[in-house]
């Protein structure tokens, strides 16, 4: 019998890639989100549902009894989290608690993967391992720290099988342009497609980020769940740090027209970590995972997609 995986928040950017990853490895994939799914082909069943309804979450998990649960559902933009901190906590913390409480009360042996963020870490000027201090400086990071604290409590008090990730930046086709690289690529391709010179509006280009390809991230999630590791916290990231300024220069080099860069005050955040760089040695050692792509692969594919070359 096929093993089953239930993905919360699968209607977003990462969800389609994650469904494909599990589907292609022989799993029965169930997905749920508050919005309709645009690409339901890889799902055994897709359920449109609000995870803030505990009754609905309980009923769904009781009916499916999945082998694995992955929670992608989140207010996942740091910028958005500054504007809607209340909703960020509601979705990222209360939604997670609904899942944990349902599995606990049903007394299931389901293995749960909670997706956290590198934004949980304190400001660093070097590569970050899992033992680096946590001290988030934005509502999104704080919500993910809180999620992780609850995961630890449910493991300790109730003996539940829960693994948390601290996932670093990743990108690919389909990521909303409120995130930095899709924003750059969208602006560059619009100028390229127009055939005229233009301007790109950006925020802080001095920031350095570990940015991976989304396909590598979902592969890591599957391999973590399938492993027999006893570790409960994993960094998930490429292990390579890039200057946003250098990535922007690469994007501009793909365009056939001249592009001027303009720093916009509107795109600057209230607080911004200067460098976020993943040490992924634990992930590689415990699961055998290795990246297959680079951020440049993702950028090229996004550019081709937005210029109609695919």
C-alpha atoms as a PDB file:
ATOM      1  CA  UNK A   1       0.000   0.000   0.000  1.00  0.00           C
ATOM      2  CA  UNK A   2       1.250   3.479  -0.875  1.00  0.00           C
ATOM      3  CA  UNK A   3       2.278   5.726   1.956  1.00  0.00           C
ATOM      4  CA  UNK A   4       0.297   8.931   2.239  1.00  0.00           C
ATOM      5  CA  UNK A   5       1.319  12.541   2.817  1.00  0.00           C
ATOM      6  CA  UNK A   6      -0.984  15.425   3.730  1.00  0.00           C
ATOM      7  CA  UNK A   7       0.303  18.870   2.783  1.00  0.00           C
ATOM      8  CA  UNK A   8      -1.185  21.947   4.436  1.00  0.00           C
ATOM      9  CA  UNK A   9      -0.723  25.166   2.474  1.00  0.00           C
ATOM     10  CA  UNK A  10      -0.113  23.316  -0.777  1.00  0.00           C
ATOM     11  CA  UNK A  11      -1.800  25.976  -2.919  1.00  0.00           C
ATOM     12  CA  UNK A  12       1.169  28.299  -2.569  1.00  0.00           C
ATOM     13  CA  UNK A  13       4.465  28.565  -4.415  1.00  0.00           C
ATOM     14  CA  UNK A  14       6.205  25.578  -2.818  1.00  0.00           C
ATOM     15  CA  UNK A  15       3.128  23.344  -2.623  1.00  0.00           C
ATOM     16  CA  UNK A  16       3.047  22.291  -6.263  1.00  0.00           C
ATOM     17  CA  UNK A  17       6.724  21.393  -6.232  1.00  0.00           C
ATOM     18  CA  UNK A  18       6.313  19.422  -2.997  1.00  0.00           C
ATOM     19  CA  UNK A  19       3.316  17.518  -4.338  1.00  0.00           C
ATOM     20  CA  UNK A  20       5.274  16.603  -7.463  1.00  0.00           C
ATOM     21  CA  UNK A  21       8.253  15.481  -5.354  1.00  0.00           C
ATOM     22  CA  UNK A  22       6.165  13.047  -3.318  1.00  0.00           C
ATOM     23  CA  UNK A  23       3.958  11.962  -6.231  1.00  0.00           C
ATOM     24  CA  UNK A  24       7.002  11.119  -8.354  1.00  0.00           C
ATOM     25  CA  UNK A  25       8.332   8.968  -5.500  1.00  0.00           C
ATOM     26  CA  UNK A  26       5.185   6.857  -5.282  1.00  0.00           C
ATOM     27  CA  UNK A  27       3.212   8.552  -2.508  1.00  0.00           C
ATOM     28  CA  UNK A  28      -0.525   9.140  -2.263  1.00  0.00           C
ATOM     29  CA  UNK A  29      -0.626  12.934  -1.973  1.00  0.00           C
ATOM     30  CA  UNK A  30      -3.388  14.849  -0.204  1.00  0.00           C
ATOM     31  CA  UNK A  31      -3.354  18.632  -0.265  1.00  0.00           C
ATOM     32  CA  UNK A  32      -5.282  21.396   1.390  1.00  0.00           C
ATOM     33  CA  UNK A  33      -5.301  25.169   1.237  1.00  0.00           C
ATOM     34  CA  UNK A  34      -7.701  28.049   1.739  1.00  0.00           C
ATOM     35  CA  UNK A  35      -7.661  28.720  -2.015  1.00  0.00           C
ATOM     36  CA  UNK A  36      -8.401  26.495  -4.986  1.00  0.00           C
ATOM     37  CA  UNK A  37      -5.417  24.653  -6.408  1.00  0.00           C
ATOM     38  CA  UNK A  38      -4.354  25.611  -9.942  1.00  0.00           C
ATOM     39  CA  UNK A  39      -2.506  22.343 -10.646  1.00  0.00           C
ATOM     40  CA  UNK A  40      -4.304  19.472  -8.873  1.00  0.00           C
ATOM     41  CA  UNK A  41      -2.980  16.725 -11.167  1.00  0.00           C
ATOM     42  CA  UNK A  42      -0.475  15.285  -8.675  1.00  0.00           C
ATOM     43  CA  UNK A  43      -2.939  15.082  -5.784  1.00  0.00           C
ATOM     44  CA  UNK A  44      -4.929  12.003  -4.855  1.00  0.00           C
ATOM     45  CA  UNK A  45      -7.308  14.520  -3.311  1.00  0.00           C
ATOM     46  CA  UNK A  46      -7.281  18.286  -2.913  1.00  0.00           C
ATOM     47  CA  UNK A  47      -9.409  19.889  -0.185  1.00  0.00           C
ATOM     48  CA  UNK A  48     -10.178  23.607  -0.059  1.00  0.00           C
ATOM     49  CA  UNK A  49     -10.237  24.418   3.668  1.00  0.00           C
ATOM     50  CA  UNK A  50      -9.292  27.049   6.242  1.00  0.00           C
ATOM     51  CA  UNK A  51      -6.747  25.523   8.619  1.00  0.00           C
ATOM     52  CA  UNK A  52      -7.755  28.025  11.298  1.00  0.00           C
ATOM     53  CA  UNK A  53     -10.901  25.927  11.713  1.00  0.00           C
ATOM     54  CA  UNK A  54      -9.846  23.292  14.238  1.00  0.00           C
ATOM     55  CA  UNK A  55     -12.958  21.195  13.570  1.00  0.00           C
ATOM     56  CA  UNK A  56     -12.153  21.019   9.844  1.00  0.00           C
ATOM     57  CA  UNK A  57      -8.502  20.160  10.491  1.00  0.00           C
ATOM     58  CA  UNK A  58      -9.471  17.435  12.950  1.00  0.00           C
ATOM     59  CA  UNK A  59     -12.053  15.931  10.596  1.00  0.00           C
ATOM     60  CA  UNK A  60      -9.623  15.906   7.668  1.00  0.00           C
ATOM     61  CA  UNK A  61      -6.788  14.239   9.565  1.00  0.00           C
ATOM     62  CA  UNK A  62      -9.195  11.740  11.135  1.00  0.00           C
ATOM     63  CA  UNK A  63     -10.480  10.756   7.698  1.00  0.00           C
ATOM     64  CA  UNK A  64      -7.141  10.472   5.914  1.00  0.00           C
ATOM     65  CA  UNK A  65      -4.897   9.178   8.752  1.00  0.00           C
ATOM     66  CA  UNK A  66      -1.771  10.193   6.827  1.00  0.00           C
ATOM     67  CA  UNK A  67       1.647   8.660   7.342  1.00  0.00           C
ATOM     68  CA  UNK A  68       3.206  12.116   7.019  1.00  0.00           C
ATOM     69  CA  UNK A  69       1.981  15.685   7.477  1.00  0.00           C
ATOM     70  CA  UNK A  70       3.870  18.709   6.169  1.00  0.00           C
ATOM     71  CA  UNK A  71       2.795  22.212   7.143  1.00  0.00           C
ATOM     72  CA  UNK A  72       3.672  24.782   4.484  1.00  0.00           C
ATOM     73  CA  UNK A  73       0.744  27.058   5.358  1.00  0.00           C
ATOM     74  CA  UNK A  74       2.022  30.438   6.466  1.00  0.00           C
ATOM     75  CA  UNK A  75       2.176  34.153   6.012  1.00  0.00           C
ATOM     76  CA  UNK A  76       5.616  33.641   4.516  1.00  0.00           C
ATOM     77  CA  UNK A  77       6.696  37.124   3.471  1.00  0.00           C
ATOM     78  CA  UNK A  78       8.727  39.135   5.981  1.00  0.00           C
ATOM     79  CA  UNK A  79       7.408  42.309   4.362  1.00  0.00           C
ATOM     80  CA  UNK A  80       3.788  41.182   4.711  1.00  0.00           C
ATOM     81  CA  UNK A  81       4.374  40.177   8.325  1.00  0.00           C
ATOM     82  CA  UNK A  82       5.253  43.764   9.258  1.00  0.00           C
ATOM     83  CA  UNK A  83       1.901  44.920   7.843  1.00  0.00           C
ATOM     84  CA  UNK A  84      -0.270  42.126   9.280  1.00  0.00           C
ATOM     85  CA  UNK A  85       1.442  40.829  12.456  1.00  0.00           C
ATOM     86  CA  UNK A  86      -1.843  39.623  13.972  1.00  0.00           C
ATOM     87  CA  UNK A  87      -2.702  37.457  10.970  1.00  0.00           C
ATOM     88  CA  UNK A  88       0.886  36.226  10.793  1.00  0.00           C
ATOM     89  CA  UNK A  89       0.640  34.847  14.334  1.00  0.00           C
ATOM     90  CA  UNK A  90      -2.853  33.455  13.728  1.00  0.00           C
ATOM     91  CA  UNK A  91      -1.882  31.467  10.627  1.00  0.00           C
ATOM     92  CA  UNK A  92       1.688  30.509  11.497  1.00  0.00           C
ATOM     93  CA  UNK A  93       1.105  29.597  15.142  1.00  0.00           C
ATOM     94  CA  UNK A  94      -2.593  28.840  15.673  1.00  0.00           C
ATOM     95  CA  UNK A  95      -2.816  26.925  12.397  1.00  0.00           C
ATOM     96  CA  UNK A  96       0.103  24.744  13.451  1.00  0.00           C
ATOM     97  CA  UNK A  97      -1.476  24.142  16.854  1.00  0.00           C
ATOM     98  CA  UNK A  98      -4.661  22.910  15.177  1.00  0.00           C
ATOM     99  CA  UNK A  99      -2.615  20.246  13.360  1.00  0.00           C
ATOM    100  CA  UNK A 100      -0.681  19.208  16.457  1.00  0.00           C
ATOM    101  CA  UNK A 101      -3.783  19.030  18.637  1.00  0.00           C
ATOM    102  CA  UNK A 102      -5.681  16.955  16.073  1.00  0.00           C
ATOM    103  CA  UNK A 103      -2.850  14.416  15.763  1.00  0.00           C
ATOM    104  CA  UNK A 104      -2.480  14.294  19.554  1.00  0.00           C
ATOM    105  CA  UNK A 105      -6.153  13.770  20.294  1.00  0.00           C
ATOM    106  CA  UNK A 106      -6.467  11.138  17.568  1.00  0.00           C
ATOM    107  CA  UNK A 107      -3.440   9.324  19.052  1.00  0.00           C
ATOM    108  CA  UNK A 108      -1.879   8.914  15.613  1.00  0.00           C
ATOM    109  CA  UNK A 109       1.717   7.915  14.856  1.00  0.00           C
ATOM    110  CA  UNK A 110       1.876  10.412  12.000  1.00  0.00           C
ATOM    111  CA  UNK A 111       5.299  11.957  11.413  1.00  0.00           C
ATOM    112  CA  UNK A 112       5.032  15.747  11.136  1.00  0.00           C
ATOM    113  CA  UNK A 113       7.343  18.200   9.366  1.00  0.00           C
ATOM    114  CA  UNK A 114       6.929  21.855  10.309  1.00  0.00           C
ATOM    115  CA  UNK A 115       8.556  24.344   7.960  1.00  0.00           C
ATOM    116  CA  UNK A 116      10.365  27.117   9.779  1.00  0.00           C
ATOM    117  CA  UNK A 117      12.723  29.816   8.614  1.00  0.00           C
ATOM    118  CA  UNK A 118      16.260  31.174   8.786  1.00  0.00           C
ATOM    119  CA  UNK A 119      14.568  34.389   9.940  1.00  0.00           C
ATOM    120  CA  UNK A 120      14.398  32.765  13.386  1.00  0.00           C
ATOM    121  CA  UNK A 121      18.131  33.252  13.899  1.00  0.00           C
ATOM    122  CA  UNK A 122      19.859  36.173  15.545  1.00  0.00           C
ATOM    123  CA  UNK A 123      21.790  38.520  13.301  1.00  0.00           C
ATOM    124  CA  UNK A 124      24.987  36.860  12.114  1.00  0.00           C
ATOM    125  CA  UNK A 125      28.012  37.776  10.021  1.00  0.00           C
ATOM    126  CA  UNK A 126      28.967  34.165   9.327  1.00  0.00           C
ATOM    127  CA  UNK A 127      27.546  30.785   8.301  1.00  0.00           C
ATOM    128  CA  UNK A 128      24.742  29.625  10.596  1.00  0.00           C
ATOM    129  CA  UNK A 129      24.422  26.107  12.036  1.00  0.00           C
ATOM    130  CA  UNK A 130      21.479  24.749  14.022  1.00  0.00           C
ATOM    131  CA  UNK A 131      23.075  25.615  17.368  1.00  0.00           C
ATOM    132  CA  UNK A 132      23.333  29.321  16.541  1.00  0.00           C
ATOM    133  CA  UNK A 133      21.174  31.522  18.843  1.00  0.00           C
ATOM    134  CA  UNK A 134      17.584  32.316  17.888  1.00  0.00           C
ATOM    135  CA  UNK A 135      16.467  35.931  18.149  1.00  0.00           C
ATOM    136  CA  UNK A 136      14.130  36.890  15.309  1.00  0.00           C
ATOM    137  CA  UNK A 137      13.788  40.609  14.567  1.00  0.00           C
ATOM    138  CA  UNK A 138      10.546  40.562  12.541  1.00  0.00           C
ATOM    139  CA  UNK A 139       6.991  39.229  13.045  1.00  0.00           C
ATOM    140  CA  UNK A 140       7.452  36.358  10.592  1.00  0.00           C
ATOM    141  CA  UNK A 141      10.597  35.085  12.289  1.00  0.00           C
ATOM    142  CA  UNK A 142       9.002  35.425  15.724  1.00  0.00           C
ATOM    143  CA  UNK A 143       6.000  33.384  14.581  1.00  0.00           C
ATOM    144  CA  UNK A 144       8.273  30.598  13.350  1.00  0.00           C
ATOM    145  CA  UNK A 145      10.253  30.609  16.604  1.00  0.00           C
ATOM    146  CA  UNK A 146       6.959  30.223  18.460  1.00  0.00           C
ATOM    147  CA  UNK A 147       5.897  27.357  16.180  1.00  0.00           C
ATOM    148  CA  UNK A 148       9.167  25.611  16.939  1.00  0.00           C
ATOM    149  CA  UNK A 149       8.749  26.066  20.707  1.00  0.00           C
ATOM    150  CA  UNK A 150       5.338  24.407  20.520  1.00  0.00           C
ATOM    151  CA  UNK A 151       6.799  21.564  18.450  1.00  0.00           C
ATOM    152  CA  UNK A 152       9.382  20.969  21.167  1.00  0.00           C
ATOM    153  CA  UNK A 153       6.663  20.970  23.823  1.00  0.00           C
ATOM    154  CA  UNK A 154       4.523  18.434  21.933  1.00  0.00           C
ATOM    155  CA  UNK A 155       7.562  16.188  21.433  1.00  0.00           C
ATOM    156  CA  UNK A 156       8.586  16.385  25.084  1.00  0.00           C
ATOM    157  CA  UNK A 157       5.183  16.197  26.774  1.00  0.00           C
ATOM    158  CA  UNK A 158       3.251  13.972  24.360  1.00  0.00           C
ATOM    159  CA  UNK A 159       6.019  12.000  22.629  1.00  0.00           C
ATOM    160  CA  UNK A 160       4.936  13.090  19.165  1.00  0.00           C
ATOM    161  CA  UNK A 161       7.185  12.613  16.132  1.00  0.00           C
ATOM    162  CA  UNK A 162       7.778  16.191  14.952  1.00  0.00           C
ATOM    163  CA  UNK A 163      10.692  17.590  12.976  1.00  0.00           C
ATOM    164  CA  UNK A 164      11.193  21.310  12.371  1.00  0.00           C
ATOM    165  CA  UNK A 165      13.167  22.933   9.593  1.00  0.00           C
ATOM    166  CA  UNK A 166      14.788  26.320   9.502  1.00  0.00           C
ATOM    167  CA  UNK A 167      14.586  26.862   5.780  1.00  0.00           C
ATOM    168  CA  UNK A 168      16.678  29.494   4.049  1.00  0.00           C
ATOM    169  CA  UNK A 169      15.655  31.543   1.007  1.00  0.00           C
ATOM    170  CA  UNK A 170      14.650  29.688  -2.136  1.00  0.00           C
ATOM    171  CA  UNK A 171      13.119  30.631  -5.441  1.00  0.00           C
ATOM    172  CA  UNK A 172      11.806  29.316  -8.750  1.00  0.00           C
ATOM    173  CA  UNK A 173       9.060  29.650 -11.327  1.00  0.00           C
ATOM    174  CA  UNK A 174       5.791  30.597  -9.656  1.00  0.00           C
ATOM    175  CA  UNK A 175       7.166  32.495  -6.671  1.00  0.00           C
ATOM    176  CA  UNK A 176       5.184  35.740  -6.143  1.00  0.00           C
ATOM    177  CA  UNK A 177       6.952  38.941  -7.139  1.00  0.00           C
ATOM    178  CA  UNK A 178       6.664  40.348  -3.608  1.00  0.00           C
ATOM    179  CA  UNK A 179       9.821  38.283  -3.006  1.00  0.00           C
ATOM    180  CA  UNK A 180      13.119  39.789  -4.057  1.00  0.00           C
ATOM    181  CA  UNK A 181      14.338  37.689  -7.004  1.00  0.00           C
ATOM    182  CA  UNK A 182      10.966  37.302  -8.751  1.00  0.00           C
ATOM    183  CA  UNK A 183      10.543  41.071  -8.347  1.00  0.00           C
ATOM    184  CA  UNK A 184      13.884  41.684 -10.039  1.00  0.00           C
ATOM    185  CA  UNK A 185      13.176  39.167 -12.800  1.00  0.00           C
ATOM    186  CA  UNK A 186       9.654  40.456 -13.459  1.00  0.00           C
ATOM    187  CA  UNK A 187      10.847  44.040 -13.803  1.00  0.00           C
ATOM    188  CA  UNK A 188      13.767  42.996 -16.030  1.00  0.00           C
ATOM    189  CA  UNK A 189      11.637  40.843 -18.317  1.00  0.00           C
ATOM    190  CA  UNK A 190       9.012  43.567 -18.710  1.00  0.00           C
ATOM    191  CA  UNK A 191      11.748  45.948 -19.848  1.00  0.00           C
ATOM    192  CA  UNK A 192      13.272  43.251 -22.070  1.00  0.00           C
ATOM    193  CA  UNK A 193       9.903  42.430 -23.650  1.00  0.00           C
ATOM    194  CA  UNK A 194       9.215  46.108 -24.309  1.00  0.00           C
ATOM    195  CA  UNK A 195      12.381  46.453 -26.373  1.00  0.00           C
ATOM    196  CA  UNK A 196      13.125  49.778 -24.669  1.00  0.00           C
ATOM    197  CA  UNK A 197      15.523  50.877 -21.943  1.00  0.00           C
ATOM    198  CA  UNK A 198      14.031  51.028 -18.447  1.00  0.00           C
ATOM    199  CA  UNK A 199      14.480  51.208 -14.682  1.00  0.00           C
ATOM    200  CA  UNK A 200      14.392  48.543 -11.971  1.00  0.00           C
ATOM    201  CA  UNK A 201      13.285  49.604  -8.473  1.00  0.00           C
ATOM    202  CA  UNK A 202      14.989  47.764  -5.621  1.00  0.00           C
ATOM    203  CA  UNK A 203      15.474  47.752  -1.857  1.00  0.00           C
ATOM    204  CA  UNK A 204      18.649  46.929   0.077  1.00  0.00           C
ATOM    205  CA  UNK A 205      21.181  45.493  -2.369  1.00  0.00           C
ATOM    206  CA  UNK A 206      23.950  45.140   0.215  1.00  0.00           C
ATOM    207  CA  UNK A 207      22.208  42.148   1.808  1.00  0.00           C
ATOM    208  CA  UNK A 208      23.743  38.721   1.267  1.00  0.00           C
ATOM    209  CA  UNK A 209      21.493  35.693   1.164  1.00  0.00           C
ATOM    210  CA  UNK A 210      21.708  31.923   0.886  1.00  0.00           C
ATOM    211  CA  UNK A 211      19.191  31.319  -1.917  1.00  0.00           C
ATOM    212  CA  UNK A 212      18.453  27.847  -3.262  1.00  0.00           C
ATOM    213  CA  UNK A 213      16.276  26.353  -5.958  1.00  0.00           C
ATOM    214  CA  UNK A 214      12.844  25.323  -4.676  1.00  0.00           C
ATOM    215  CA  UNK A 215      13.256  21.861  -6.226  1.00  0.00           C
ATOM    216  CA  UNK A 216      16.190  21.190  -3.927  1.00  0.00           C
ATOM    217  CA  UNK A 217      14.219  22.352  -0.899  1.00  0.00           C
ATOM    218  CA  UNK A 218      11.297  19.961  -1.467  1.00  0.00           C
ATOM    219  CA  UNK A 219      13.724  17.106  -2.076  1.00  0.00           C
ATOM    220  CA  UNK A 220      15.240  17.856   1.329  1.00  0.00           C
ATOM    221  CA  UNK A 221      11.801  17.800   2.983  1.00  0.00           C
ATOM    222  CA  UNK A 222      11.043  14.358   1.573  1.00  0.00           C
ATOM    223  CA  UNK A 223      14.433  12.975   2.542  1.00  0.00           C
ATOM    224  CA  UNK A 224      14.136  14.311   6.089  1.00  0.00           C
ATOM    225  CA  UNK A 225      10.783  12.562   6.547  1.00  0.00           C
ATOM    226  CA  UNK A 226      12.022   9.317   5.019  1.00  0.00           C
ATOM    227  CA  UNK A 227      15.205   9.235   7.112  1.00  0.00           C
ATOM    228  CA  UNK A 228      15.550   7.438  10.426  1.00  0.00           C
ATOM    229  CA  UNK A 229      17.330  10.424  11.944  1.00  0.00           C
ATOM    230  CA  UNK A 230      16.820  11.231  15.592  1.00  0.00           C
ATOM    231  CA  UNK A 231      17.614  14.906  15.002  1.00  0.00           C
ATOM    232  CA  UNK A 232      14.629  17.227  15.300  1.00  0.00           C
ATOM    233  CA  UNK A 233      15.903  20.535  13.886  1.00  0.00           C
ATOM    234  CA  UNK A 234      17.366  20.924  10.394  1.00  0.00           C
ATOM    235  CA  UNK A 235      18.706  23.857   8.439  1.00  0.00           C
ATOM    236  CA  UNK A 236      17.562  23.540   4.831  1.00  0.00           C
ATOM    237  CA  UNK A 237      19.472  25.713   2.388  1.00  0.00           C
ATOM    238  CA  UNK A 238      21.950  25.657  -0.463  1.00  0.00           C
ATOM    239  CA  UNK A 239      25.016  26.418   1.658  1.00  0.00           C
ATOM    240  CA  UNK A 240      26.048  29.140  -0.812  1.00  0.00           C
ATOM    241  CA  UNK A 241      25.679  32.849  -0.026  1.00  0.00           C
ATOM    242  CA  UNK A 242      25.056  35.420  -2.764  1.00  0.00           C
ATOM    243  CA  UNK A 243      25.117  39.203  -2.869  1.00  0.00           C
ATOM    244  CA  UNK A 244      21.741  40.553  -4.008  1.00  0.00           C
ATOM    245  CA  UNK A 245      23.643  43.137  -6.014  1.00  0.00           C
ATOM    246  CA  UNK A 246      25.494  40.383  -7.910  1.00  0.00           C
ATOM    247  CA  UNK A 247      22.287  38.461  -8.579  1.00  0.00           C
ATOM    248  CA  UNK A 248      20.641  41.616  -9.888  1.00  0.00           C
ATOM    249  CA  UNK A 249      23.574  42.215 -12.224  1.00  0.00           C
ATOM    250  CA  UNK A 250      23.167  38.681 -13.558  1.00  0.00           C
ATOM    251  CA  UNK A 251      19.441  39.207 -14.132  1.00  0.00           C
ATOM    252  CA  UNK A 252      20.095  42.476 -15.955  1.00  0.00           C
ATOM    253  CA  UNK A 253      22.693  40.706 -18.133  1.00  0.00           C
ATOM    254  CA  UNK A 254      19.945  38.403 -19.451  1.00  0.00           C
ATOM    255  CA  UNK A 255      17.979  41.366 -20.844  1.00  0.00           C
ATOM    256  CA  UNK A 256      18.613  42.778 -24.309  1.00  0.00           C
ATOM    257  CA  UNK A 257      18.046  46.415 -23.294  1.00  0.00           C
ATOM    258  CA  UNK A 258      19.761  48.846 -20.925  1.00  0.00           C
ATOM    259  CA  UNK A 259      18.400  48.855 -17.360  1.00  0.00           C
ATOM    260  CA  UNK A 260      19.026  51.473 -14.687  1.00  0.00           C
ATOM    261  CA  UNK A 261      18.841  50.478 -11.000  1.00  0.00           C
ATOM    262  CA  UNK A 262      16.892  52.773  -8.645  1.00  0.00           C
ATOM    263  CA  UNK A 263      16.847  52.240  -4.867  1.00  0.00           C
ATOM    264  CA  UNK A 264      13.273  52.800  -3.619  1.00  0.00           C
ATOM    265  CA  UNK A 265      12.531  53.837  -0.034  1.00  0.00           C
ATOM    266  CA  UNK A 266       9.251  51.884  -0.251  1.00  0.00           C
ATOM    267  CA  UNK A 267      11.160  48.636  -0.745  1.00  0.00           C
ATOM    268  CA  UNK A 268      13.405  49.061   2.305  1.00  0.00           C
ATOM    269  CA  UNK A 269      12.388  47.056   5.410  1.00  0.00           C
ATOM    270  CA  UNK A 270      12.256  48.402   8.990  1.00  0.00           C
ATOM    271  CA  UNK A 271      14.987  45.860   9.862  1.00  0.00           C
ATOM    272  CA  UNK A 272      17.042  43.661   7.557  1.00  0.00           C
ATOM    273  CA  UNK A 273      19.716  41.109   8.463  1.00  0.00           C
ATOM    274  CA  UNK A 274      22.923  41.926   6.539  1.00  0.00           C
ATOM    275  CA  UNK A 275      23.811  38.265   5.875  1.00  0.00           C
ATOM    276  CA  UNK A 276      21.869  35.000   6.116  1.00  0.00           C
ATOM    277  CA  UNK A 277      24.027  31.988   5.210  1.00  0.00           C
ATOM    278  CA  UNK A 278      23.155  28.322   5.769  1.00  0.00           C
ATOM    279  CA  UNK A 279      25.407  25.638   7.187  1.00  0.00           C
ATOM    280  CA  UNK A 280      23.635  22.537   5.860  1.00  0.00           C
ATOM    281  CA  UNK A 281      26.170  19.926   6.995  1.00  0.00           C
ATOM    282  CA  UNK A 282      23.699  18.264   9.400  1.00  0.00           C
ATOM    283  CA  UNK A 283      21.131  17.833   6.630  1.00  0.00           C
ATOM    284  CA  UNK A 284      23.721  16.342   4.282  1.00  0.00           C
ATOM    285  CA  UNK A 285      25.163  14.019   6.931  1.00  0.00           C
ATOM    286  CA  UNK A 286      21.849  12.746   8.321  1.00  0.00           C
ATOM    287  CA  UNK A 287      19.908  12.325   5.051  1.00  0.00           C
ATOM    288  CA  UNK A 288      22.434  12.141   2.200  1.00  0.00           C
ATOM    289  CA  UNK A 289      20.822  15.164   0.571  1.00  0.00           C
ATOM    290  CA  UNK A 290      22.788  17.219  -1.951  1.00  0.00           C
ATOM    291  CA  UNK A 291      21.693  20.179  -4.057  1.00  0.00           C
ATOM    292  CA  UNK A 292      21.161  19.584  -7.787  1.00  0.00           C
ATOM    293  CA  UNK A 293      20.593  23.194  -8.833  1.00  0.00           C
ATOM    294  CA  UNK A 294      21.916  26.681  -8.153  1.00  0.00           C
ATOM    295  CA  UNK A 295      20.087  29.978  -7.846  1.00  0.00           C
ATOM    296  CA  UNK A 296      21.359  30.825 -11.328  1.00  0.00           C
ATOM    297  CA  UNK A 297      19.463  27.825 -12.714  1.00  0.00           C
ATOM    298  CA  UNK A 298      16.291  29.128 -11.070  1.00  0.00           C
ATOM    299  CA  UNK A 299      16.855  32.688 -12.325  1.00  0.00           C
ATOM    300  CA  UNK A 300      17.401  31.546 -15.914  1.00  0.00           C
ATOM    301  CA  UNK A 301      14.232  29.460 -15.842  1.00  0.00           C
ATOM    302  CA  UNK A 302      12.186  32.311 -14.347  1.00  0.00           C
ATOM    303  CA  UNK A 303      13.524  34.715 -16.980  1.00  0.00           C
ATOM    304  CA  UNK A 304      12.738  32.319 -19.821  1.00  0.00           C
ATOM    305  CA  UNK A 305       9.275  31.671 -18.437  1.00  0.00           C
ATOM    306  CA  UNK A 306       8.455  35.384 -18.138  1.00  0.00           C
ATOM    307  CA  UNK A 307       9.772  36.129 -21.625  1.00  0.00           C
ATOM    308  CA  UNK A 308       7.788  33.284 -23.185  1.00  0.00           C
ATOM    309  CA  UNK A 309      10.865  31.286 -24.161  1.00  0.00           C
ATOM    310  CA  UNK A 310       9.655  28.078 -22.476  1.00  0.00           C
END
